[in-house]
Amino acid sequence: SYDSTLKGCIGFKVDGLARVIKISSYSSVTSGYEEVAREV
């Protein structure tokens, strides 16, 4: 799920992961999903 409360970055909450994954707002969609996938 997308966490819209963060400023300057795109945050994602993942079931089973306590922390929020933060992606730079300037990242491309591709690098964003790659980063989330690596974190997961």
PDB file of all heavy atoms in Angstrom:
ATOM      1  N   SER A   1       0.842  -1.193   0.000  1.00  0.00           N
ATOM      2  CA  SER A   1       0.000   0.000   0.000  1.00  0.00           C
ATOM      3  C   SER A   1       0.878   1.244   0.000  1.00  0.00           C
ATOM      4  O   SER A   1       1.993   1.255   0.522  1.00  0.00           O
ATOM      5  CB  SER A   1      -0.933   0.006   1.216  1.00  0.00           C
ATOM      6  OG  SER A   1      -0.188  -0.009   2.414  1.00  0.00           O
ATOM      7  N   TYR A   2       0.358   2.296  -0.588  1.00  0.00           N
ATOM      8  CA  TYR A   2       1.052   3.570  -0.728  1.00  0.00           C
ATOM      9  C   TYR A   2       0.825   4.409   0.520  1.00  0.00           C
ATOM     10  O   TYR A   2      -0.296   4.566   0.987  1.00  0.00           O
ATOM     11  CB  TYR A   2       0.528   4.280  -1.977  1.00  0.00           C
ATOM     12  CG  TYR A   2       0.903   5.730  -2.123  1.00  0.00           C
ATOM     13  CD1 TYR A   2       2.225   6.142  -2.091  1.00  0.00           C
ATOM     14  CD2 TYR A   2      -0.080   6.697  -2.317  1.00  0.00           C
ATOM     15  CE1 TYR A   2       2.569   7.475  -2.244  1.00  0.00           C
ATOM     16  CE2 TYR A   2       0.253   8.035  -2.484  1.00  0.00           C
ATOM     17  CZ  TYR A   2       1.580   8.418  -2.436  1.00  0.00           C
ATOM     18  OH  TYR A   2       1.918   9.737  -2.596  1.00  0.00           O
ATOM     19  N   ASP A   3       1.925   4.954   1.071  1.00  0.00           N
ATOM     20  CA  ASP A   3       1.846   5.818   2.248  1.00  0.00           C
ATOM     21  C   ASP A   3       2.009   7.260   1.768  1.00  0.00           C
ATOM     22  O   ASP A   3       3.109   7.715   1.475  1.00  0.00           O
ATOM     23  CB  ASP A   3       2.946   5.454   3.242  1.00  0.00           C
ATOM     24  CG  ASP A   3       2.881   6.281   4.515  1.00  0.00           C
ATOM     25  OD1 ASP A   3       2.043   7.206   4.602  1.00  0.00           O
ATOM     26  OD2 ASP A   3       3.682   6.007   5.426  1.00  0.00           O
ATOM     27  N   SER A   4       0.899   7.976   1.675  1.00  0.00           N
ATOM     28  CA  SER A   4       0.917   9.340   1.120  1.00  0.00           C
ATOM     29  C   SER A   4       1.338  10.397   2.134  1.00  0.00           C
ATOM     30  O   SER A   4       1.435  11.575   1.796  1.00  0.00           O
ATOM     31  CB  SER A   4      -0.471   9.685   0.570  1.00  0.00           C
ATOM     32  OG  SER A   4      -1.424   9.634   1.605  1.00  0.00           O
ATOM     33  N   THR A   5       1.620   9.996   3.364  1.00  0.00           N
ATOM     34  CA  THR A   5       1.957  10.980   4.405  1.00  0.00           C
ATOM     35  C   THR A   5       3.408  11.447   4.339  1.00  0.00           C
ATOM     36  O   THR A   5       3.748  12.460   4.944  1.00  0.00           O
ATOM     37  CB  THR A   5       1.700  10.401   5.810  1.00  0.00           C
ATOM     38  OG1 THR A   5       2.543   9.264   6.007  1.00  0.00           O
ATOM     39  CG2 THR A   5       0.243  10.008   5.966  1.00  0.00           C
ATOM     40  N   LEU A   6       4.250  10.746   3.620  1.00  0.00           N
ATOM     41  CA  LEU A   6       5.671  11.094   3.567  1.00  0.00           C
ATOM     42  C   LEU A   6       5.914  12.260   2.612  1.00  0.00           C
ATOM     43  O   LEU A   6       5.302  12.347   1.553  1.00  0.00           O
ATOM     44  CB  LEU A   6       6.498   9.890   3.135  1.00  0.00           C
ATOM     45  CG  LEU A   6       6.437   8.690   4.060  1.00  0.00           C
ATOM     46  CD1 LEU A   6       7.187   7.518   3.456  1.00  0.00           C
ATOM     47  CD2 LEU A   6       7.011   9.034   5.417  1.00  0.00           C
ATOM     48  N   LYS A   7       6.833  13.130   2.974  1.00  0.00           N
ATOM     49  CA  LYS A   7       7.204  14.269   2.135  1.00  0.00           C
ATOM     50  C   LYS A   7       8.532  13.970   1.454  1.00  0.00           C
ATOM     51  O   LYS A   7       9.458  13.448   2.071  1.00  0.00           O
ATOM     52  CB  LYS A   7       7.358  15.542   2.988  1.00  0.00           C
ATOM     53  CG  LYS A   7       6.104  15.917   3.748  1.00  0.00           C
ATOM     54  CD  LYS A   7       5.047  16.406   2.805  1.00  0.00           C
ATOM     55  CE  LYS A   7       3.838  16.860   3.599  1.00  0.00           C
ATOM     56  NZ  LYS A   7       2.625  16.841   2.849  1.00  0.00           N
ATOM     57  N   GLY A   8       8.637  14.299   0.187  1.00  0.00           N
ATOM     58  CA  GLY A   8       9.893  14.159  -0.544  1.00  0.00           C
ATOM     59  C   GLY A   8      10.208  12.768  -1.025  1.00  0.00           C
ATOM     60  O   GLY A   8      11.241  12.554  -1.647  1.00  0.00           O
ATOM     61  N   CYS A   9       9.373  11.825  -0.719  1.00  0.00           N
ATOM     62  CA  CYS A   9       9.605  10.471  -1.198  1.00  0.00           C
ATOM     63  C   CYS A   9       8.270   9.736  -1.317  1.00  0.00           C
ATOM     64  O   CYS A   9       7.246  10.206  -0.841  1.00  0.00           O
ATOM     65  CB  CYS A   9      10.568   9.712  -0.284  1.00  0.00           C
ATOM     66  SG  CYS A   9       9.978   9.497   1.379  1.00  0.00           S
ATOM     67  N   ILE A  10       8.336   8.593  -1.958  1.00  0.00           N
ATOM     68  CA  ILE A  10       7.159   7.748  -2.110  1.00  0.00           C
ATOM     69  C   ILE A  10       7.325   6.602  -1.116  1.00  0.00           C
ATOM     70  O   ILE A  10       8.333   5.902  -1.143  1.00  0.00           O
ATOM     71  CB  ILE A  10       7.044   7.202  -3.543  1.00  0.00           C
ATOM     72  CG1 ILE A  10       6.986   8.354  -4.542  1.00  0.00           C
ATOM     73  CG2 ILE A  10       5.831   6.298  -3.693  1.00  0.00           C
ATOM     74  CD1 ILE A  10       7.127   7.925  -5.996  1.00  0.00           C
ATOM     75  N   GLY A  11       6.365   6.432  -0.237  1.00  0.00           N
ATOM     76  CA  GLY A  11       6.464   5.395   0.780  1.00  0.00           C
ATOM     77  C   GLY A  11       5.513   4.251   0.504  1.00  0.00           C
ATOM     78  O   GLY A  11       4.399   4.452   0.022  1.00  0.00           O
ATOM     79  N   PHE A  12       5.987   3.052   0.809  1.00  0.00           N
ATOM     80  CA  PHE A  12       5.166   1.858   0.653  1.00  0.00           C
ATOM     81  C   PHE A  12       5.182   1.059   1.938  1.00  0.00           C
ATOM     82  O   PHE A  12       6.234   0.841   2.533  1.00  0.00           O
ATOM     83  CB  PHE A  12       5.688   0.976  -0.490  1.00  0.00           C
ATOM     84  CG  PHE A  12       5.490   1.567  -1.845  1.00  0.00           C
ATOM     85  CD1 PHE A  12       6.515   2.255  -2.474  1.00  0.00           C
ATOM     86  CD2 PHE A  12       4.274   1.442  -2.496  1.00  0.00           C
ATOM     87  CE1 PHE A  12       6.338   2.799  -3.732  1.00  0.00           C
ATOM     88  CE2 PHE A  12       4.085   1.986  -3.753  1.00  0.00           C
ATOM     89  CZ  PHE A  12       5.114   2.664  -4.367  1.00  0.00           C
ATOM     90  N   LYS A  13       4.007   0.629   2.347  1.00  0.00           N
ATOM     91  CA  LYS A  13       3.874  -0.281   3.475  1.00  0.00           C
ATOM     92  C   LYS A  13       3.670  -1.682   2.907  1.00  0.00           C
ATOM     93  O   LYS A  13       2.876  -1.862   1.983  1.00  0.00           O
ATOM     94  CB  LYS A  13       2.677   0.107   4.345  1.00  0.00           C
ATOM     95  CG  LYS A  13       2.836   1.452   5.029  1.00  0.00           C
ATOM     96  CD  LYS A  13       1.601   1.805   5.840  1.00  0.00           C
ATOM     97  CE  LYS A  13       1.755   3.178   6.452  1.00  0.00           C
ATOM     98  NZ  LYS A  13       0.538   3.630   7.133  1.00  0.00           N
ATOM     99  N   VAL A  14       4.406  -2.630   3.477  1.00  0.00           N
ATOM    100  CA  VAL A  14       4.358  -4.010   2.996  1.00  0.00           C
ATOM    101  C   VAL A  14       3.927  -4.906   4.143  1.00  0.00           C
ATOM    102  O   VAL A  14       4.468  -4.805   5.252  1.00  0.00           O
ATOM    103  CB  VAL A  14       5.752  -4.452   2.485  1.00  0.00           C
ATOM    104  CG1 VAL A  14       5.745  -5.914   2.064  1.00  0.00           C
ATOM    105  CG2 VAL A  14       6.218  -3.567   1.338  1.00  0.00           C
ATOM    106  N   ASP A  15       2.954  -5.778   3.888  1.00  0.00           N
ATOM    107  CA  ASP A  15       2.539  -6.755   4.897  1.00  0.00           C
ATOM    108  C   ASP A  15       3.729  -7.628   5.257  1.00  0.00           C
ATOM    109  O   ASP A  15       4.403  -8.160   4.377  1.00  0.00           O
ATOM    110  CB  ASP A  15       1.407  -7.646   4.369  1.00  0.00           C
ATOM    111  CG  ASP A  15       0.083  -6.911   4.263  1.00  0.00           C
ATOM    112  OD1 ASP A  15      -0.005  -5.766   4.750  1.00  0.00           O
ATOM    113  OD2 ASP A  15      -0.863  -7.478   3.672  1.00  0.00           O
ATOM    114  N   GLY A  16       4.016  -7.738   6.545  1.00  0.00           N
ATOM    115  CA  GLY A  16       5.126  -8.549   7.006  1.00  0.00           C
ATOM    116  C   GLY A  16       6.422  -7.775   7.187  1.00  0.00           C
ATOM    117  O   GLY A  16       7.423  -8.331   7.609  1.00  0.00           O
ATOM    118  N   LEU A  17       6.397  -6.491   6.873  1.00  0.00           N
ATOM    119  CA  LEU A  17       7.584  -5.641   7.009  1.00  0.00           C
ATOM    120  C   LEU A  17       7.209  -4.466   7.900  1.00  0.00           C
ATOM    121  O   LEU A  17       6.268  -3.736   7.604  1.00  0.00           O
ATOM    122  CB  LEU A  17       8.029  -5.158   5.627  1.00  0.00           C
ATOM    123  CG  LEU A  17       9.403  -4.529   5.490  1.00  0.00           C
ATOM    124  CD1 LEU A  17      10.495  -5.496   5.909  1.00  0.00           C
ATOM    125  CD2 LEU A  17       9.640  -4.100   4.051  1.00  0.00           C
ATOM    126  N   ALA A  18       7.948  -4.296   8.988  1.00  0.00           N
ATOM    127  CA  ALA A  18       7.593  -3.274   9.972  1.00  0.00           C
ATOM    128  C   ALA A  18       7.840  -1.848   9.475  1.00  0.00           C
ATOM    129  O   ALA A  18       7.066  -0.948   9.756  1.00  0.00           O
ATOM    130  CB  ALA A  18       8.374  -3.506  11.263  1.00  0.00           C
ATOM    131  N   ARG A  19       8.899  -1.665   8.734  1.00  0.00           N
ATOM    132  CA  ARG A  19       9.235  -0.307   8.300  1.00  0.00           C
ATOM    133  C   ARG A  19       8.611   0.022   6.947  1.00  0.00           C
ATOM    134  O   ARG A  19       8.221  -0.868   6.193  1.00  0.00           O
ATOM    135  CB  ARG A  19      10.741  -0.117   8.254  1.00  0.00           C
ATOM    136  CG  ARG A  19      11.431  -0.974   7.240  1.00  0.00           C
ATOM    137  CD  ARG A  19      12.937  -0.725   7.250  1.00  0.00           C
ATOM    138  NE  ARG A  19      13.588  -1.399   6.161  1.00  0.00           N
ATOM    139  CZ  ARG A  19      13.590  -0.976   4.913  1.00  0.00           C
ATOM    140  NH1 ARG A  19      12.975   0.136   4.594  1.00  0.00           N
ATOM    141  NH2 ARG A  19      14.195  -1.654   3.964  1.00  0.00           N
ATOM    142  N   VAL A  20       8.566   1.313   6.651  1.00  0.00           N
ATOM    143  CA  VAL A  20       8.051   1.797   5.368  1.00  0.00           C
ATOM    144  C   VAL A  20       9.213   1.847   4.374  1.00  0.00           C
ATOM    145  O   VAL A  20      10.298   2.325   4.702  1.00  0.00           O
ATOM    146  CB  VAL A  20       7.433   3.208   5.540  1.00  0.00           C
ATOM    147  CG1 VAL A  20       7.026   3.790   4.200  1.00  0.00           C
ATOM    148  CG2 VAL A  20       6.232   3.142   6.471  1.00  0.00           C
ATOM    149  N   ILE A  21       8.997   1.351   3.187  1.00  0.00           N
ATOM    150  CA  ILE A  21      10.002   1.427   2.129  1.00  0.00           C
ATOM    151  C   ILE A  21       9.869   2.794   1.475  1.00  0.00           C
ATOM    152  O   ILE A  21       8.786   3.158   0.998  1.00  0.00           O
ATOM    153  CB  ILE A  21       9.809   0.314   1.083  1.00  0.00           C
ATOM    154  CG1 ILE A  21       9.963  -1.059   1.731  1.00  0.00           C
ATOM    155  CG2 ILE A  21      10.792   0.480  -0.065  1.00  0.00           C
ATOM    156  CD1 ILE A  21       9.628  -2.212   0.817  1.00  0.00           C
ATOM    157  N   LYS A  22      10.974   3.540   1.463  1.00  0.00           N
ATOM    158  CA  LYS A  22      10.955   4.895   0.902  1.00  0.00           C
ATOM    159  C   LYS A  22      11.714   4.921  -0.415  1.00  0.00           C
ATOM    160  O   LYS A  22      12.852   4.477  -0.499  1.00  0.00           O
ATOM    161  CB  LYS A  22      11.592   5.875   1.877  1.00  0.00           C
ATOM    162  CG  LYS A  22      10.849   5.983   3.191  1.00  0.00           C
ATOM    163  CD  LYS A  22      11.572   6.883   4.147  1.00  0.00           C
ATOM    164  CE  LYS A  22      10.861   6.902   5.500  1.00  0.00           C
ATOM    165  NZ  LYS A  22      11.613   7.668   6.492  1.00  0.00           N
ATOM    166  N   ILE A  23      11.042   5.460  -1.425  1.00  0.00           N
ATOM    167  CA  ILE A  23      11.611   5.604  -2.759  1.00  0.00           C
ATOM    168  C   ILE A  23      11.668   7.089  -3.067  1.00  0.00           C
ATOM    169  O   ILE A  23      10.701   7.820  -2.818  1.00  0.00           O
ATOM    170  CB  ILE A  23      10.712   4.905  -3.826  1.00  0.00           C
ATOM    171  CG1 ILE A  23      10.406   3.460  -3.452  1.00  0.00           C
ATOM    172  CG2 ILE A  23      11.315   5.016  -5.202  1.00  0.00           C
ATOM    173  CD1 ILE A  23      11.586   2.559  -3.403  1.00  0.00           C
ATOM    174  N   SER A  24      12.765   7.543  -3.650  1.00  0.00           N
ATOM    175  CA  SER A  24      12.880   8.951  -4.014  1.00  0.00           C
ATOM    176  C   SER A  24      11.772   9.332  -4.993  1.00  0.00           C
ATOM    177  O   SER A  24      11.444   8.570  -5.903  1.00  0.00           O
ATOM    178  CB  SER A  24      14.242   9.219  -4.661  1.00  0.00           C
ATOM    179  OG  SER A  24      14.270  10.495  -5.244  1.00  0.00           O
ATOM    180  N   SER A  25      11.218  10.517  -4.818  1.00  0.00           N
ATOM    181  CA  SER A  25      10.180  11.005  -5.725  1.00  0.00           C
ATOM    182  C   SER A  25      10.713  11.182  -7.138  1.00  0.00           C
ATOM    183  O   SER A  25       9.961  11.178  -8.102  1.00  0.00           O
ATOM    184  CB  SER A  25       9.637  12.351  -5.234  1.00  0.00           C
ATOM    185  OG  SER A  25       9.062  12.207  -3.974  1.00  0.00           O
ATOM    186  N   TYR A  26      12.033  11.338  -7.247  1.00  0.00           N
ATOM    187  CA  TYR A  26      12.654  11.554  -8.553  1.00  0.00           C
ATOM    188  C   TYR A  26      12.997  10.257  -9.269  1.00  0.00           C
ATOM    189  O   TYR A  26      13.390  10.276 -10.431  1.00  0.00           O
ATOM    190  CB  TYR A  26      13.920  12.398  -8.390  1.00  0.00           C
ATOM    191  CG  TYR A  26      13.630  13.755  -7.809  1.00  0.00           C
ATOM    192  CD1 TYR A  26      14.003  14.068  -6.508  1.00  0.00           C
ATOM    193  CD2 TYR A  26      12.953  14.719  -8.542  1.00  0.00           C
ATOM    194  CE1 TYR A  26      13.716  15.312  -5.965  1.00  0.00           C
ATOM    195  CE2 TYR A  26      12.665  15.958  -8.011  1.00  0.00           C
ATOM    196  CZ  TYR A  26      13.058  16.247  -6.722  1.00  0.00           C
ATOM    197  OH  TYR A  26      12.771  17.475  -6.188  1.00  0.00           O
ATOM    198  N   SER A  27      12.862   9.130  -8.590  1.00  0.00           N
ATOM    199  CA  SER A  27      13.154   7.840  -9.210  1.00  0.00           C
ATOM    200  C   SER A  27      12.146   7.544 -10.317  1.00  0.00           C
ATOM    201  O   SER A  27      10.995   7.971 -10.256  1.00  0.00           O
ATOM    202  CB  SER A  27      13.080   6.713  -8.181  1.00  0.00           C
ATOM    203  OG  SER A  27      14.094   6.827  -7.236  1.00  0.00           O
ATOM    204  N   SER A  28      12.600   6.784 -11.298  1.00  0.00           N
ATOM    205  CA  SER A  28      11.685   6.339 -12.350  1.00  0.00           C
ATOM    206  C   SER A  28      10.793   5.236 -11.788  1.00  0.00           C
ATOM    207  O   SER A  28      11.083   4.667 -10.728  1.00  0.00           O
ATOM    208  CB  SER A  28      12.477   5.815 -13.550  1.00  0.00           C
ATOM    209  OG  SER A  28      13.135   4.613 -13.204  1.00  0.00           O
ATOM    210  N   VAL A  29       9.742   4.925 -12.496  1.00  0.00           N
ATOM    211  CA  VAL A  29       8.851   3.842 -12.076  1.00  0.00           C
ATOM    212  C   VAL A  29       9.628   2.533 -12.027  1.00  0.00           C
ATOM    213  O   VAL A  29       9.521   1.762 -11.071  1.00  0.00           O
ATOM    214  CB  VAL A  29       7.632   3.733 -13.021  1.00  0.00           C
ATOM    215  CG1 VAL A  29       6.818   2.482 -12.727  1.00  0.00           C
ATOM    216  CG2 VAL A  29       6.763   4.982 -12.918  1.00  0.00           C
ATOM    217  N   THR A  30      10.474   2.296 -13.044  1.00  0.00           N
ATOM    218  CA  THR A  30      11.249   1.056 -13.104  1.00  0.00           C
ATOM    219  C   THR A  30      12.181   0.916 -11.912  1.00  0.00           C
ATOM    220  O   THR A  30      12.193  -0.115 -11.236  1.00  0.00           O
ATOM    221  CB  THR A  30      12.063   0.988 -14.408  1.00  0.00           C
ATOM    222  OG1 THR A  30      11.165   1.092 -15.514  1.00  0.00           O
ATOM    223  CG2 THR A  30      12.843  -0.308 -14.512  1.00  0.00           C
ATOM    224  N   SER A  31      12.966   1.957 -11.626  1.00  0.00           N
ATOM    225  CA  SER A  31      13.876   1.848 -10.479  1.00  0.00           C
ATOM    226  C   SER A  31      13.078   1.768  -9.177  1.00  0.00           C
ATOM    227  O   SER A  31      13.526   1.128  -8.218  1.00  0.00           O
ATOM    228  CB  SER A  31      14.875   3.001 -10.456  1.00  0.00           C
ATOM    229  OG  SER A  31      14.234   4.237 -10.293  1.00  0.00           O
ATOM    230  N   GLY A  32      11.909   2.368  -9.143  1.00  0.00           N
ATOM    231  CA  GLY A  32      11.058   2.292  -7.964  1.00  0.00           C
ATOM    232  C   GLY A  32      10.586   0.886  -7.683  1.00  0.00           C
ATOM    233  O   GLY A  32      10.699   0.394  -6.556  1.00  0.00           O
ATOM    234  N   TYR A  33      10.043   0.213  -8.689  1.00  0.00           N
ATOM    235  CA  TYR A  33       9.548  -1.141  -8.421  1.00  0.00           C
ATOM    236  C   TYR A  33      10.697  -2.114  -8.201  1.00  0.00           C
ATOM    237  O   TYR A  33      10.571  -3.074  -7.446  1.00  0.00           O
ATOM    238  CB  TYR A  33       8.531  -1.645  -9.452  1.00  0.00           C
ATOM    239  CG  TYR A  33       9.013  -1.962 -10.838  1.00  0.00           C
ATOM    240  CD1 TYR A  33       9.857  -3.025 -11.097  1.00  0.00           C
ATOM    241  CD2 TYR A  33       8.566  -1.223 -11.931  1.00  0.00           C
ATOM    242  CE1 TYR A  33      10.269  -3.336 -12.376  1.00  0.00           C
ATOM    243  CE2 TYR A  33       8.961  -1.522 -13.212  1.00  0.00           C
ATOM    244  CZ  TYR A  33       9.819  -2.580 -13.432  1.00  0.00           C
ATOM    245  OH  TYR A  33      10.228  -2.883 -14.701  1.00  0.00           O
ATOM    246  N   GLU A  34      11.863  -1.847  -8.823  1.00  0.00           N
ATOM    247  CA  GLU A  34      13.021  -2.704  -8.564  1.00  0.00           C
ATOM    248  C   GLU A  34      13.476  -2.564  -7.113  1.00  0.00           C
ATOM    249  O   GLU A  34      13.806  -3.548  -6.459  1.00  0.00           O
ATOM    250  CB  GLU A  34      14.168  -2.375  -9.518  1.00  0.00           C
ATOM    251  CG  GLU A  34      13.929  -2.859 -10.933  1.00  0.00           C
ATOM    252  CD  GLU A  34      14.980  -2.392 -11.910  1.00  0.00           C
ATOM    253  OE1 GLU A  34      15.747  -1.441 -11.605  1.00  0.00           O
ATOM    254  OE2 GLU A  34      15.052  -2.988 -12.997  1.00  0.00           O
ATOM    255  N   GLU A  35      13.480  -1.335  -6.603  1.00  0.00           N
ATOM    256  CA  GLU A  35      13.903  -1.098  -5.225  1.00  0.00           C
ATOM    257  C   GLU A  35      12.928  -1.726  -4.224  1.00  0.00           C
ATOM    258  O   GLU A  35      13.347  -2.349  -3.249  1.00  0.00           O
ATOM    259  CB  GLU A  35      14.048   0.395  -4.963  1.00  0.00           C
ATOM    260  CG  GLU A  35      14.721   0.710  -3.660  1.00  0.00           C
ATOM    261  CD  GLU A  35      15.089   2.174  -3.521  1.00  0.00           C
ATOM    262  OE1 GLU A  35      15.210   2.878  -4.532  1.00  0.00           O
ATOM    263  OE2 GLU A  35      15.245   2.604  -2.364  1.00  0.00           O
ATOM    264  N   VAL A  36      11.638  -1.560  -4.471  1.00  0.00           N
ATOM    265  CA  VAL A  36      10.641  -2.188  -3.586  1.00  0.00           C
ATOM    266  C   VAL A  36      10.806  -3.701  -3.620  1.00  0.00           C
ATOM    267  O   VAL A  36      10.802  -4.359  -2.576  1.00  0.00           O
ATOM    268  CB  VAL A  36       9.199  -1.779  -3.983  1.00  0.00           C
ATOM    269  CG1 VAL A  36       8.170  -2.597  -3.218  1.00  0.00           C
ATOM    270  CG2 VAL A  36       8.977  -0.299  -3.755  1.00  0.00           C
ATOM    271  N   ALA A  37      10.974  -4.264  -4.804  1.00  0.00           N
ATOM    272  CA  ALA A  37      11.129  -5.717  -4.940  1.00  0.00           C
ATOM    273  C   ALA A  37      12.365  -6.212  -4.190  1.00  0.00           C
ATOM    274  O   ALA A  37      12.307  -7.245  -3.504  1.00  0.00           O
ATOM    275  CB  ALA A  37      11.215  -6.100  -6.416  1.00  0.00           C
ATOM    276  N   ARG A  38      13.476  -5.485  -4.288  1.00  0.00           N
ATOM    277  CA  ARG A  38      14.691  -5.879  -3.560  1.00  0.00           C
ATOM    278  C   ARG A  38      14.467  -5.854  -2.057  1.00  0.00           C
ATOM    279  O   ARG A  38      14.882  -6.763  -1.333  1.00  0.00           O
ATOM    280  CB  ARG A  38      15.862  -4.955  -3.929  1.00  0.00           C
ATOM    281  CG  ARG A  38      16.555  -5.329  -5.204  1.00  0.00           C
ATOM    282  CD  ARG A  38      17.878  -4.595  -5.372  1.00  0.00           C
ATOM    283  NE  ARG A  38      17.790  -3.160  -5.260  1.00  0.00           N
ATOM    284  CZ  ARG A  38      17.511  -2.332  -6.264  1.00  0.00           C
ATOM    285  NH1 ARG A  38      17.296  -2.824  -7.465  1.00  0.00           N
ATOM    286  NH2 ARG A  38      17.464  -1.032  -6.078  1.00  0.00           N
ATOM    287  N   GLU A  39      13.812  -4.798  -1.589  1.00  0.00           N
ATOM    288  CA  GLU A  39      13.545  -4.685  -0.145  1.00  0.00           C
ATOM    289  C   GLU A  39      12.657  -5.830   0.337  1.00  0.00           C
ATOM    290  O   GLU A  39      12.892  -6.398   1.404  1.00  0.00           O
ATOM    291  CB  GLU A  39      12.880  -3.342   0.172  1.00  0.00           C
ATOM    292  CG  GLU A  39      13.768  -2.149  -0.024  1.00  0.00           C
ATOM    293  CD  GLU A  39      14.791  -1.967   1.076  1.00  0.00           C
ATOM    294  OE1 GLU A  39      14.585  -2.494   2.189  1.00  0.00           O
ATOM    295  OE2 GLU A  39      15.803  -1.303   0.821  1.00  0.00           O
ATOM    296  N   VAL A  40      11.646  -6.164  -0.445  1.00  0.00           N
ATOM    297  CA  VAL A  40      10.735  -7.255  -0.072  1.00  0.00           C
ATOM    298  C   VAL A  40      11.482  -8.579  -0.049  1.00  0.00           C
ATOM    299  O   VAL A  40      11.367  -9.363   0.902  1.00  0.00           O
ATOM    300  CB  VAL A  40       9.520  -7.307  -1.033  1.00  0.00           C
ATOM    301  CG1 VAL A  40       8.703  -8.578  -0.838  1.00  0.00           C
ATOM    302  CG2 VAL A  40       8.642  -6.081  -0.834  1.00  0.00           C
TER     303      VAL A  40
END
